[in-house]
Amino acid sequence: MDKPSYLNFNKKDYPWKPDIDYREHPELYKVGKGEQGVLVCEPYKTEIGQYWRFKDVEAATESSEKITVLFHDYLAKEDFVGADMARKYLQMGYTRARRYANYKGGKKYDKENNYMPLERGNGEAEKAAAAEVFYGKWKRAESDTCYAAMKKEWKEKYG
């Protein structure tokens, strides 16, 4: 059965730590998969997270545009960690909005029933449109040539 990964979460082995300033110690940052670390890495979590909204298309548009500006600002400052975190927030805007589009209340698992997956398709249609807004911005950020070069160099240097 497909149970949520957070049930067996091992905080000790998680490579991203909330007590590290990743601007001061960027060498400790790991790119990881997908959105890993996005809700932990400071000061970027605070800088970017305050703009992250996906309630509807209007909120998603405003949010994704602001985060995209931050993404480009970080690139201009050659701050790969900031750019990668902004890219992750764009990706997370897409995935969280899709979760709410697919599942009522955004809940994928039934905690009261041994975390059985809930039925898909009973979510909010407005969230699907919000997800599309983020999807385009996320994919453009991910394919940005400057970002891609910085990411490649980062992974070669730090893993």
Foldseek 3Di string as FASTA:
>chain_A
DDFDPVVPDDPVPQQAAQVDACVVVVLSDDLDPQQRNLCRHPPLVVVLVVLQDQPFQVSLLRNLVVLLVQLVVCLVVVNLVNNSSSLSSLRVLLVQLVLQQFDPVSDQFDPVPVRDGDHTDPGDPRSNNSNVSSVVSSVCSVPPPSNVVSVVVSVVVRD
